[in-house]
Amino acid sequence: MSLIGAYDPDNIFAKILRGEIPAVKVFEDADVLAFMDVFPQSKGHTLVISKTSQARNLLEVAPAELQTLILGVQRVAKAVEAALKPDGLIITQFNGAPAGQTVFHLHFHIIPRYDGVEIAGHGRAGMADAEVLRPLAAQIGASIS
């Protein structure tokens, strides 16, 4: 998919928002949902999405919705840092399939980095067991302020 196109209301994140597909939730408010990536590149890999925007990417989102979303990203990133004590954090966002975007609902990745530990490439990690993700989500969620 390119940078330009119609929003698909049946994308996997839209289905998660509607409760049609389960997710291991970290944090949720009226505007933002954070949940564990089921294909984690690193221990604690968390996704943050808008619950109100139907933007496919950063270029399409309304400024007010982006402001709310990025504040949610910062809030969750601080919780990941507090809970898991990584040595660094990658916060990334992809726009268009050639850039690596695979789900066309605006979202940010928060990927903890640990010294000496390689991370899996985007879209190349194996699927994690929800039972492994749940305690991480609870630990991060408990650090949300």
C-alpha atoms as a PDB file:
ATOM      1  CA  MET A   1       0.000   0.000   0.000  1.00  0.00           C
ATOM      2  CA  SER A   2       1.146   3.482  -0.784  1.00  0.00           C
ATOM      3  CA  LEU A   3       1.042   6.644   1.270  1.00  0.00           C
ATOM      4  CA  ILE A   4      -2.274   7.623  -0.283  1.00  0.00           C
ATOM      5  CA  GLY A   5      -5.437   5.580   0.019  1.00  0.00           C
ATOM      6  CA  ALA A   6      -8.677   4.997   1.824  1.00  0.00           C
ATOM      7  CA  TYR A   7      -8.758   3.850   5.431  1.00  0.00           C
ATOM      8  CA  ASP A   8      -9.723   0.179   5.731  1.00  0.00           C
ATOM      9  CA  PRO A   9     -12.117  -0.196   8.686  1.00  0.00           C
ATOM     10  CA  ASP A  10     -11.335  -3.919   8.719  1.00  0.00           C
ATOM     11  CA  ASN A  11      -7.607  -3.537   9.429  1.00  0.00           C
ATOM     12  CA  ILE A  12      -6.399  -5.529  12.419  1.00  0.00           C
ATOM     13  CA  PHE A  13      -6.065  -2.495  14.721  1.00  0.00           C
ATOM     14  CA  ALA A  14      -9.616  -1.362  13.919  1.00  0.00           C
ATOM     15  CA  LYS A  15     -10.762  -4.886  14.792  1.00  0.00           C
ATOM     16  CA  ILE A  16      -8.831  -4.717  18.076  1.00  0.00           C
ATOM     17  CA  LEU A  17     -10.494  -1.388  18.875  1.00  0.00           C
ATOM     18  CA  ARG A  18     -13.927  -2.920  18.240  1.00  0.00           C
ATOM     19  CA  GLY A  19     -13.086  -5.935  20.424  1.00  0.00           C
ATOM     20  CA  GLU A  20     -13.260  -8.379  17.518  1.00  0.00           C
ATOM     21  CA  ILE A  21      -9.645  -9.484  17.972  1.00  0.00           C
ATOM     22  CA  PRO A  22      -7.982  -9.818  21.382  1.00  0.00           C
ATOM     23  CA  ALA A  23      -4.978  -7.769  22.405  1.00  0.00           C
ATOM     24  CA  VAL A  24      -2.822  -7.748  25.497  1.00  0.00           C
ATOM     25  CA  LYS A  25      -3.621  -4.240  26.668  1.00  0.00           C
ATOM     26  CA  VAL A  26      -1.163  -2.058  28.539  1.00  0.00           C
ATOM     27  CA  PHE A  27      -3.134   1.180  28.819  1.00  0.00           C
ATOM     28  CA  GLU A  28      -6.330   2.676  27.500  1.00  0.00           C
ATOM     29  CA  ASP A  29      -8.158   5.971  27.808  1.00  0.00           C
ATOM     30  CA  ALA A  30     -10.768   7.706  25.650  1.00  0.00           C
ATOM     31  CA  ASP A  31      -8.248   8.562  22.915  1.00  0.00           C
ATOM     32  CA  VAL A  32      -5.351   6.090  23.012  1.00  0.00           C
ATOM     33  CA  LEU A  33      -4.835   2.342  23.261  1.00  0.00           C
ATOM     34  CA  ALA A  34      -1.451   0.787  24.079  1.00  0.00           C
ATOM     35  CA  PHE A  35      -0.955  -2.956  23.737  1.00  0.00           C
ATOM     36  CA  MET A  36       1.834  -5.488  23.405  1.00  0.00           C
ATOM     37  CA  ASP A  37       3.116  -6.232  19.910  1.00  0.00           C
ATOM     38  CA  VAL A  38       2.431  -9.918  19.221  1.00  0.00           C
ATOM     39  CA  PHE A  39       5.553 -10.000  17.039  1.00  0.00           C
ATOM     40  CA  PRO A  40       7.900  -8.293  19.512  1.00  0.00           C
ATOM     41  CA  GLN A  41      11.281  -7.131  18.326  1.00  0.00           C
ATOM     42  CA  SER A  42      12.387  -6.902  21.954  1.00  0.00           C
ATOM     43  CA  LYS A  43      11.069  -7.702  25.438  1.00  0.00           C
ATOM     44  CA  GLY A  44       8.412  -5.074  26.156  1.00  0.00           C
ATOM     45  CA  HIS A  45       7.713  -4.010  22.543  1.00  0.00           C
ATOM     46  CA  THR A  46       4.527  -1.942  22.841  1.00  0.00           C
ATOM     47  CA  LEU A  47       2.251  -0.376  20.222  1.00  0.00           C
ATOM     48  CA  VAL A  48       0.292   2.839  20.724  1.00  0.00           C
ATOM     49  CA  ILE A  49      -2.661   3.684  18.489  1.00  0.00           C
ATOM     50  CA  SER A  50      -5.307   6.370  18.268  1.00  0.00           C
ATOM     51  CA  LYS A  51      -8.829   5.322  19.156  1.00  0.00           C
ATOM     52  CA  THR A  52     -10.356   8.352  17.447  1.00  0.00           C
ATOM     53  CA  SER A  53      -8.422   8.860  14.212  1.00  0.00           C
ATOM     54  CA  GLN A  54      -8.856   6.942  10.986  1.00  0.00           C
ATOM     55  CA  ALA A  55      -5.545   8.207   9.641  1.00  0.00           C
ATOM     56  CA  ARG A  56      -3.539   5.521   7.877  1.00  0.00           C
ATOM     57  CA  ASN A  57      -0.241   7.276   8.560  1.00  0.00           C
ATOM     58  CA  LEU A  58       1.407  10.357  10.021  1.00  0.00           C
ATOM     59  CA  LEU A  59       0.762  12.397   6.887  1.00  0.00           C
ATOM     60  CA  GLU A  60      -3.007  12.022   7.179  1.00  0.00           C
ATOM     61  CA  VAL A  61      -3.644  12.647  10.873  1.00  0.00           C
ATOM     62  CA  ALA A  62      -5.267  15.863  12.081  1.00  0.00           C
ATOM     63  CA  PRO A  63      -2.905  17.933  14.252  1.00  0.00           C
ATOM     64  CA  ALA A  64      -5.120  17.771  17.354  1.00  0.00           C
ATOM     65  CA  GLU A  65      -5.372  13.975  17.101  1.00  0.00           C
ATOM     66  CA  LEU A  66      -1.615  13.696  16.584  1.00  0.00           C
ATOM     67  CA  GLN A  67      -0.984  15.831  19.650  1.00  0.00           C
ATOM     68  CA  THR A  68      -3.164  13.565  21.783  1.00  0.00           C
ATOM     69  CA  LEU A  69      -1.566  10.443  20.325  1.00  0.00           C
ATOM     70  CA  ILE A  70       2.034  11.574  20.749  1.00  0.00           C
ATOM     71  CA  LEU A  71       1.363  12.548  24.364  1.00  0.00           C
ATOM     72  CA  GLY A  72       0.032   9.010  24.851  1.00  0.00           C
ATOM     73  CA  VAL A  73       3.181   7.620  23.213  1.00  0.00           C
ATOM     74  CA  GLN A  74       5.339   9.629  25.607  1.00  0.00           C
ATOM     75  CA  ARG A  75       3.293   8.494  28.598  1.00  0.00           C
ATOM     76  CA  VAL A  76       3.617   4.832  27.637  1.00  0.00           C
ATOM     77  CA  ALA A  77       7.323   5.183  26.771  1.00  0.00           C
ATOM     78  CA  LYS A  78       7.974   6.596  30.239  1.00  0.00           C
ATOM     79  CA  ALA A  79       6.117   3.627  31.731  1.00  0.00           C
ATOM     80  CA  VAL A  80       8.138   1.145  29.633  1.00  0.00           C
ATOM     81  CA  GLU A  81      11.325   2.795  30.866  1.00  0.00           C
ATOM     82  CA  ALA A  82      10.181   2.801  34.493  1.00  0.00           C
ATOM     83  CA  ALA A  83       8.936  -0.783  34.436  1.00  0.00           C
ATOM     84  CA  LEU A  84      11.587  -2.556  32.378  1.00  0.00           C
ATOM     85  CA  LYS A  85      14.676  -0.364  32.859  1.00  0.00           C
ATOM     86  CA  PRO A  86      15.974  -0.765  29.284  1.00  0.00           C
ATOM     87  CA  ASP A  87      19.263   0.835  28.282  1.00  0.00           C
ATOM     88  CA  GLY A  88      17.494   2.716  25.499  1.00  0.00           C
ATOM     89  CA  LEU A  89      14.218   3.024  23.624  1.00  0.00           C
ATOM     90  CA  ILE A  90      13.410   3.074  19.946  1.00  0.00           C
ATOM     91  CA  ILE A  91      10.221   4.969  19.191  1.00  0.00           C
ATOM     92  CA  THR A  92       9.309   4.552  15.562  1.00  0.00           C
ATOM     93  CA  GLN A  93       6.483   4.935  13.107  1.00  0.00           C
ATOM     94  CA  PHE A  94       6.278   3.768   9.464  1.00  0.00           C
ATOM     95  CA  ASN A  95       4.481   5.453   6.541  1.00  0.00           C
ATOM     96  CA  GLY A  96       3.636   3.296   3.513  1.00  0.00           C
ATOM     97  CA  ALA A  97       4.528  -0.287   2.668  1.00  0.00           C
ATOM     98  CA  PRO A  98       7.931   0.601   1.142  1.00  0.00           C
ATOM     99  CA  ALA A  99       8.844   2.146   4.516  1.00  0.00           C
ATOM    100  CA  GLY A 100       7.867  -1.038   6.388  1.00  0.00           C
ATOM    101  CA  GLN A 101       4.282  -0.228   7.361  1.00  0.00           C
ATOM    102  CA  THR A 102       2.193  -3.400   7.545  1.00  0.00           C
ATOM    103  CA  VAL A 103      -0.945  -2.167   9.338  1.00  0.00           C
ATOM    104  CA  PHE A 104      -2.498   0.922   7.800  1.00  0.00           C
ATOM    105  CA  HIS A 105      -3.812   2.513  10.983  1.00  0.00           C
ATOM    106  CA  LEU A 106      -1.499   5.169  12.418  1.00  0.00           C
ATOM    107  CA  HIS A 107       0.570   3.634  15.200  1.00  0.00           C
ATOM    108  CA  PHE A 108       3.848   4.030  17.044  1.00  0.00           C
ATOM    109  CA  HIS A 109       6.229   1.309  18.201  1.00  0.00           C
ATOM    110  CA  ILE A 110       8.020   1.580  21.543  1.00  0.00           C
ATOM    111  CA  ILE A 111      10.886  -0.904  21.435  1.00  0.00           C
ATOM    112  CA  PRO A 112      13.100  -1.298  24.506  1.00  0.00           C
ATOM    113  CA  ARG A 113      16.805  -1.803  23.807  1.00  0.00           C
ATOM    114  CA  TYR A 114      19.088  -3.706  26.129  1.00  0.00           C
ATOM    115  CA  ASP A 115      22.890  -3.500  25.835  1.00  0.00           C
ATOM    116  CA  GLY A 116      24.293  -6.576  24.139  1.00  0.00           C
ATOM    117  CA  VAL A 117      20.874  -7.923  23.092  1.00  0.00           C
ATOM    118  CA  GLU A 118      20.058  -7.941  19.398  1.00  0.00           C
ATOM    119  CA  ILE A 119      16.557  -7.042  18.311  1.00  0.00           C
ATOM    120  CA  ALA A 120      14.555  -8.842  15.672  1.00  0.00           C
ATOM    121  CA  GLY A 121      13.892  -6.971  12.454  1.00  0.00           C
ATOM    122  CA  HIS A 122      10.521  -5.313  11.968  1.00  0.00           C
ATOM    123  CA  GLY A 123       8.051  -7.976  10.886  1.00  0.00           C
ATOM    124  CA  ARG A 124      10.624 -10.741  11.327  1.00  0.00           C
ATOM    125  CA  ALA A 125      10.088 -11.697  14.962  1.00  0.00           C
ATOM    126  CA  GLY A 126       8.165 -14.814  15.848  1.00  0.00           C
ATOM    127  CA  MET A 127       4.721 -14.588  17.375  1.00  0.00           C
ATOM    128  CA  ALA A 128       4.764 -14.299  21.157  1.00  0.00           C
ATOM    129  CA  ASP A 129       2.525 -16.246  23.492  1.00  0.00           C
ATOM    130  CA  ALA A 130      -0.086 -14.015  25.133  1.00  0.00           C
ATOM    131  CA  GLU A 131       0.726 -15.655  28.478  1.00  0.00           C
ATOM    132  CA  VAL A 132       4.279 -14.292  28.184  1.00  0.00           C
ATOM    133  CA  LEU A 133       3.038 -10.826  27.185  1.00  0.00           C
ATOM    134  CA  ARG A 134       0.435 -10.431  29.949  1.00  0.00           C
ATOM    135  CA  PRO A 135       2.874  -9.994  32.867  1.00  0.00           C
ATOM    136  CA  LEU A 136       4.908  -7.491  30.833  1.00  0.00           C
ATOM    137  CA  ALA A 137       1.729  -5.534  30.006  1.00  0.00           C
ATOM    138  CA  ALA A 138       0.734  -5.536  33.675  1.00  0.00           C
ATOM    139  CA  GLN A 139       4.195  -4.399  34.736  1.00  0.00           C
ATOM    140  CA  ILE A 140       4.216  -1.549  32.195  1.00  0.00           C
ATOM    141  CA  GLY A 141       0.597  -0.630  32.918  1.00  0.00           C
ATOM    142  CA  ALA A 142       1.328  -0.374  36.632  1.00  0.00           C
ATOM    143  CA  SER A 143       3.979   2.246  35.810  1.00  0.00           C
ATOM    144  CA  ILE A 144       1.609   4.532  33.865  1.00  0.00           C
ATOM    145  CA  SER A 145       1.292   7.872  35.590  1.00  0.00           C
END
